[in-house]
C-alpha atoms as a PDB file:
ATOM      1  CA  UNK A   1      79.951 105.252  84.114  1.00  0.00           C
ATOM      2  CA  UNK A   2      83.958 105.309  84.360  1.00  0.00           C
ATOM      3  CA  UNK A   3      86.142 105.098  81.481  1.00  0.00           C
ATOM      4  CA  UNK A   4      88.449 102.421  81.873  1.00  0.00           C
ATOM      5  CA  UNK A   5      90.954 104.674  80.436  1.00  0.00           C
ATOM      6  CA  UNK A   6      91.546 102.058  77.469  1.00  0.00           C
ATOM      7  CA  UNK A   7      89.080 103.887  75.567  1.00  0.00           C
ATOM      8  CA  UNK A   8      86.067 101.401  76.995  1.00  0.00           C
ATOM      9  CA  UNK A   9      83.928 102.913  79.235  1.00  0.00           C
ATOM     10  CA  UNK A  10      83.253 100.245  82.351  1.00  0.00           C
ATOM     11  CA  UNK A  11      79.860 100.566  84.133  1.00  0.00           C
ATOM     12  CA  UNK A  12      80.386  99.727  88.077  1.00  0.00           C
ATOM     13  CA  UNK A  13      76.762 101.563  88.659  1.00  0.00           C
ATOM     14  CA  UNK A  14      75.471  97.956  89.643  1.00  0.00           C
ATOM     15  CA  UNK A  15      78.036  97.459  92.893  1.00  0.00           C
ATOM     16  CA  UNK A  16      77.498 101.252  94.156  1.00  0.00           C
ATOM     17  CA  UNK A  17      75.860 100.957  97.791  1.00  0.00           C
ATOM     18  CA  UNK A  18      77.534  97.810  99.061  1.00  0.00           C
ATOM     19  CA  UNK A  19      79.387  96.944  96.169  1.00  0.00           C
ATOM     20  CA  UNK A  20      78.081  93.806  96.208  1.00  0.00           C
ATOM     21  CA  UNK A  21      78.362  92.656  99.636  1.00  0.00           C
ATOM     22  CA  UNK A  22      75.342  93.158 102.060  1.00  0.00           C
ATOM     23  CA  UNK A  23      77.733  92.961 105.161  1.00  0.00           C
ATOM     24  CA  UNK A  24      79.038  96.465 104.202  1.00  0.00           C
ATOM     25  CA  UNK A  25      75.593  98.045 104.087  1.00  0.00           C
ATOM     26  CA  UNK A  26      75.149  96.232 107.876  1.00  0.00           C
ATOM     27  CA  UNK A  27      78.030  97.698 109.540  1.00  0.00           C
ATOM     28  CA  UNK A  28      77.251 100.928 107.811  1.00  0.00           C
ATOM     29  CA  UNK A  29      78.714 101.297 104.576  1.00  0.00           C
ATOM     30  CA  UNK A  30      77.991 102.495 100.922  1.00  0.00           C
ATOM     31  CA  UNK A  31      80.254 103.169  98.165  1.00  0.00           C
ATOM     32  CA  UNK A  32      78.975 106.181  95.913  1.00  0.00           C
ATOM     33  CA  UNK A  33      81.180 107.192  92.972  1.00  0.00           C
ATOM     34  CA  UNK A  34      83.761 105.862  90.795  1.00  0.00           C
ATOM     35  CA  UNK A  35      86.400 106.506  88.372  1.00  0.00           C
ATOM     36  CA  UNK A  36      89.484 106.771  86.564  1.00  0.00           C
ATOM     37  CA  UNK A  37      92.547 109.837  86.512  1.00  0.00           C
ATOM     38  CA  UNK A  38      94.230 111.229  84.170  1.00  0.00           C
ATOM     39  CA  UNK A  39      96.763 108.429  84.669  1.00  0.00           C
ATOM     40  CA  UNK A  40      94.496 105.520  84.224  1.00  0.00           C
ATOM     41  CA  UNK A  41      94.554 104.687  87.790  1.00  0.00           C
ATOM     42  CA  UNK A  42      90.981 103.921  89.782  1.00  0.00           C
ATOM     43  CA  UNK A  43      89.883 105.762  92.706  1.00  0.00           C
ATOM     44  CA  UNK A  44      86.208 104.668  94.871  1.00  0.00           C
ATOM     45  CA  UNK A  45      84.857 107.101  97.800  1.00  0.00           C
ATOM     46  CA  UNK A  46      81.852 105.880  99.831  1.00  0.00           C
ATOM     47  CA  UNK A  47      80.284 107.103 103.268  1.00  0.00           C
ATOM     48  CA  UNK A  48      80.512 105.080 106.628  1.00  0.00           C
ATOM     49  CA  UNK A  49      78.253 105.267 109.426  1.00  0.00           C
ATOM     50  CA  UNK A  50      79.089 102.735 111.855  1.00  0.00           C
ATOM     51  CA  UNK A  51      76.026 101.147 113.043  1.00  0.00           C
ATOM     52  CA  UNK A  52      75.623  98.887 115.985  1.00  0.00           C
ATOM     53  CA  UNK A  53      76.738  95.683 114.292  1.00  0.00           C
ATOM     54  CA  UNK A  54      79.847  97.191 113.800  1.00  0.00           C
ATOM     55  CA  UNK A  55      80.808  98.471 117.467  1.00  0.00           C
ATOM     56  CA  UNK A  56      81.505  97.352 120.431  1.00  0.00           C
ATOM     57  CA  UNK A  57      79.120  98.166 123.593  1.00  0.00           C
ATOM     58  CA  UNK A  58      81.419 100.813 124.049  1.00  0.00           C
ATOM     59  CA  UNK A  59      79.586 102.113 120.542  1.00  0.00           C
ATOM     60  CA  UNK A  60      83.566 101.994 118.951  1.00  0.00           C
ATOM     61  CA  UNK A  61      83.933  99.991 114.986  1.00  0.00           C
ATOM     62  CA  UNK A  62      85.869  97.544 115.535  1.00  0.00           C
ATOM     63  CA  UNK A  63      89.207  96.782 113.864  1.00  0.00           C
ATOM     64  CA  UNK A  64      88.105  93.979 111.717  1.00  0.00           C
ATOM     65  CA  UNK A  65      85.182  96.399 110.589  1.00  0.00           C
ATOM     66  CA  UNK A  66      87.591  98.788 109.623  1.00  0.00           C
ATOM     67  CA  UNK A  67      89.655  96.028 107.464  1.00  0.00           C
ATOM     68  CA  UNK A  68      86.566  95.264 105.825  1.00  0.00           C
ATOM     69  CA  UNK A  69      85.490  98.507 104.479  1.00  0.00           C
ATOM     70  CA  UNK A  70      89.127  99.685 103.501  1.00  0.00           C
ATOM     71  CA  UNK A  71      89.403  95.872 101.465  1.00  0.00           C
ATOM     72  CA  UNK A  72      86.534  96.543  99.776  1.00  0.00           C
ATOM     73  CA  UNK A  73      87.388 100.428  98.988  1.00  0.00           C
ATOM     74  CA  UNK A  74      91.005  99.071  97.763  1.00  0.00           C
ATOM     75  CA  UNK A  75      89.089  96.902  95.682  1.00  0.00           C
ATOM     76  CA  UNK A  76      86.525  99.182  93.499  1.00  0.00           C
ATOM     77  CA  UNK A  77      89.587 101.380  93.015  1.00  0.00           C
ATOM     78  CA  UNK A  78      91.058  98.573  91.544  1.00  0.00           C
ATOM     79  CA  UNK A  79      88.544  97.361  89.308  1.00  0.00           C
ATOM     80  CA  UNK A  80      87.475 100.543  88.363  1.00  0.00           C
ATOM     81  CA  UNK A  81      90.839 100.847  86.014  1.00  0.00           C
ATOM     82  CA  UNK A  82      90.631  97.546  84.986  1.00  0.00           C
ATOM     83  CA  UNK A  83      89.581  97.176  81.217  1.00  0.00           C
ATOM     84  CA  UNK A  84      85.973  95.609  80.535  1.00  0.00           C
ATOM     85  CA  UNK A  85      86.290  91.770  81.680  1.00  0.00           C
ATOM     86  CA  UNK A  86      89.758  91.844  84.188  1.00  0.00           C
ATOM     87  CA  UNK A  87      88.898  92.437  87.455  1.00  0.00           C
ATOM     88  CA  UNK A  88      90.766  91.441  91.350  1.00  0.00           C
ATOM     89  CA  UNK A  89      90.709  87.661  91.974  1.00  0.00           C
ATOM     90  CA  UNK A  90      91.542  88.225  95.763  1.00  0.00           C
ATOM     91  CA  UNK A  91      93.842  90.248  98.495  1.00  0.00           C
ATOM     92  CA  UNK A  92      97.192  88.774  98.993  1.00  0.00           C
ATOM     93  CA  UNK A  93      98.467  90.989 101.665  1.00  0.00           C
ATOM     94  CA  UNK A  94      96.813  93.985 103.177  1.00  0.00           C
ATOM     95  CA  UNK A  95      98.150  95.957 106.315  1.00  0.00           C
ATOM     96  CA  UNK A  96      95.451  98.287 108.526  1.00  0.00           C
ATOM     97  CA  UNK A  97      95.964 101.423 110.420  1.00  0.00           C
ATOM     98  CA  UNK A  98      93.487 102.482 113.045  1.00  0.00           C
ATOM     99  CA  UNK A  99      94.485 105.890 114.468  1.00  0.00           C
ATOM    100  CA  UNK A 100      91.388 107.332 116.003  1.00  0.00           C
ATOM    101  CA  UNK A 101      87.966 105.634 116.628  1.00  0.00           C
ATOM    102  CA  UNK A 102      85.164 106.101 114.877  1.00  0.00           C
ATOM    103  CA  UNK A 103      82.386 106.112 116.739  1.00  0.00           C
ATOM    104  CA  UNK A 104      79.133 104.653 116.106  1.00  0.00           C
ATOM    105  CA  UNK A 105      76.466 106.788 114.437  1.00  0.00           C
ATOM    106  CA  UNK A 106      78.883 109.152 113.775  1.00  0.00           C
ATOM    107  CA  UNK A 107      79.686 110.118 109.367  1.00  0.00           C
ATOM    108  CA  UNK A 108      82.637 109.150 107.837  1.00  0.00           C
ATOM    109  CA  UNK A 109      84.047 109.235 104.536  1.00  0.00           C
ATOM    110  CA  UNK A 110      86.049 106.144 102.806  1.00  0.00           C
ATOM    111  CA  UNK A 111      88.230 106.910  99.993  1.00  0.00           C
ATOM    112  CA  UNK A 112      90.453 103.871  97.815  1.00  0.00           C
ATOM    113  CA  UNK A 113      92.585 104.572  95.221  1.00  0.00           C
ATOM    114  CA  UNK A 114      95.440 102.162  92.918  1.00  0.00           C
ATOM    115  CA  UNK A 115      98.871 102.924  93.836  1.00  0.00           C
ATOM    116  CA  UNK A 116     100.251 100.700  90.896  1.00  0.00           C
ATOM    117  CA  UNK A 117      98.955  98.682  88.386  1.00  0.00           C
ATOM    118  CA  UNK A 118     101.225  95.715  87.638  1.00  0.00           C
ATOM    119  CA  UNK A 119     100.114  92.603  84.553  1.00  0.00           C
ATOM    120  CA  UNK A 120      99.309  90.145  87.204  1.00  0.00           C
ATOM    121  CA  UNK A 121      99.226  92.459  90.698  1.00  0.00           C
ATOM    122  CA  UNK A 122      97.246  95.763  91.733  1.00  0.00           C
ATOM    123  CA  UNK A 123      98.433  97.884  94.716  1.00  0.00           C
ATOM    124  CA  UNK A 124      95.952  99.674  96.538  1.00  0.00           C
ATOM    125  CA  UNK A 125      95.201 102.518  99.185  1.00  0.00           C
ATOM    126  CA  UNK A 126      92.409 102.977 101.684  1.00  0.00           C
ATOM    127  CA  UNK A 127      91.180 105.592 104.009  1.00  0.00           C
ATOM    128  CA  UNK A 128      88.749 106.698 106.624  1.00  0.00           C
ATOM    129  CA  UNK A 129      88.253 110.156 107.239  1.00  0.00           C
ATOM    130  CA  UNK A 130      86.047 112.085 109.315  1.00  0.00           C
ATOM    131  CA  UNK A 131      84.208 115.038 108.412  1.00  0.00           C
ATOM    132  CA  UNK A 132      87.456 117.757 109.219  1.00  0.00           C
ATOM    133  CA  UNK A 133      89.194 114.827 107.322  1.00  0.00           C
ATOM    134  CA  UNK A 134      91.163 113.832 110.240  1.00  0.00           C
ATOM    135  CA  UNK A 135      92.122 110.363 109.334  1.00  0.00           C
ATOM    136  CA  UNK A 136      90.848 107.345 111.416  1.00  0.00           C
ATOM    137  CA  UNK A 137      92.305 104.463 109.264  1.00  0.00           C
ATOM    138  CA  UNK A 138      93.866 103.756 106.486  1.00  0.00           C
ATOM    139  CA  UNK A 139      95.040 100.359 104.949  1.00  0.00           C
ATOM    140  CA  UNK A 140      97.366  99.421 101.710  1.00  0.00           C
ATOM    141  CA  UNK A 141      97.077  95.854 100.401  1.00  0.00           C
ATOM    142  CA  UNK A 142      97.877  94.193  97.322  1.00  0.00           C
ATOM    143  CA  UNK A 143      95.566  92.069  94.740  1.00  0.00           C
ATOM    144  CA  UNK A 144      96.196  89.043  92.604  1.00  0.00           C
ATOM    145  CA  UNK A 145      94.340  90.218  88.985  1.00  0.00           C
ATOM    146  CA  UNK A 146      92.749  88.301  86.396  1.00  0.00           C
ATOM    147  CA  UNK A 147      92.750  89.309  83.216  1.00  0.00           C
ATOM    148  CA  UNK A 148      91.598  87.161  80.808  1.00  0.00           C
ATOM    149  CA  UNK A 149      92.787  86.158  77.581  1.00  0.00           C
ATOM    150  CA  UNK A 150      93.199  88.207  74.618  1.00  0.00           C
ATOM    151  CA  UNK A 151      90.269  87.711  72.138  1.00  0.00           C
ATOM    152  CA  UNK A 152      91.578  85.973  69.343  1.00  0.00           C
ATOM    153  CA  UNK A 153      91.889  87.446  65.948  1.00  0.00           C
ATOM    154  CA  UNK A 154      88.864  86.815  63.062  1.00  0.00           C
ATOM    155  CA  UNK A 155      89.664  84.550  60.574  1.00  0.00           C
ATOM    156  CA  UNK A 156      90.330  86.703  57.295  1.00  0.00           C
END
């Protein structure tokens, strides 16, 4: 369980694995951890071992699969940093860059981080790296947030 940084624990363990989206597991991704750093900024980590469905006939992961996983990784990190019932609503903008091929059956590591949290939007970044830490792909994104209205104070 992660601490939202605002004194409220945020338990997102049920989203470990496929993040609540079966397509993540189908392409070979899995979320393995999350948390909040000392600046109340969230992070998420995971693994990626590309499957046949993630790759073209030459065994190279399609760029759209990188985008799918990096988007989900940024979302997970942002949600880890938000208090209780607040959450991401959608991706407003995202840029993905693939620098090296991710090959079918090879292991990779994903990491998403919150760059900045504002009232209505959050900014995230995520990477996929090989076991030696070499950058394979990266993304940055802007996400719309849903922050529920505060509970009214009890009469008194």
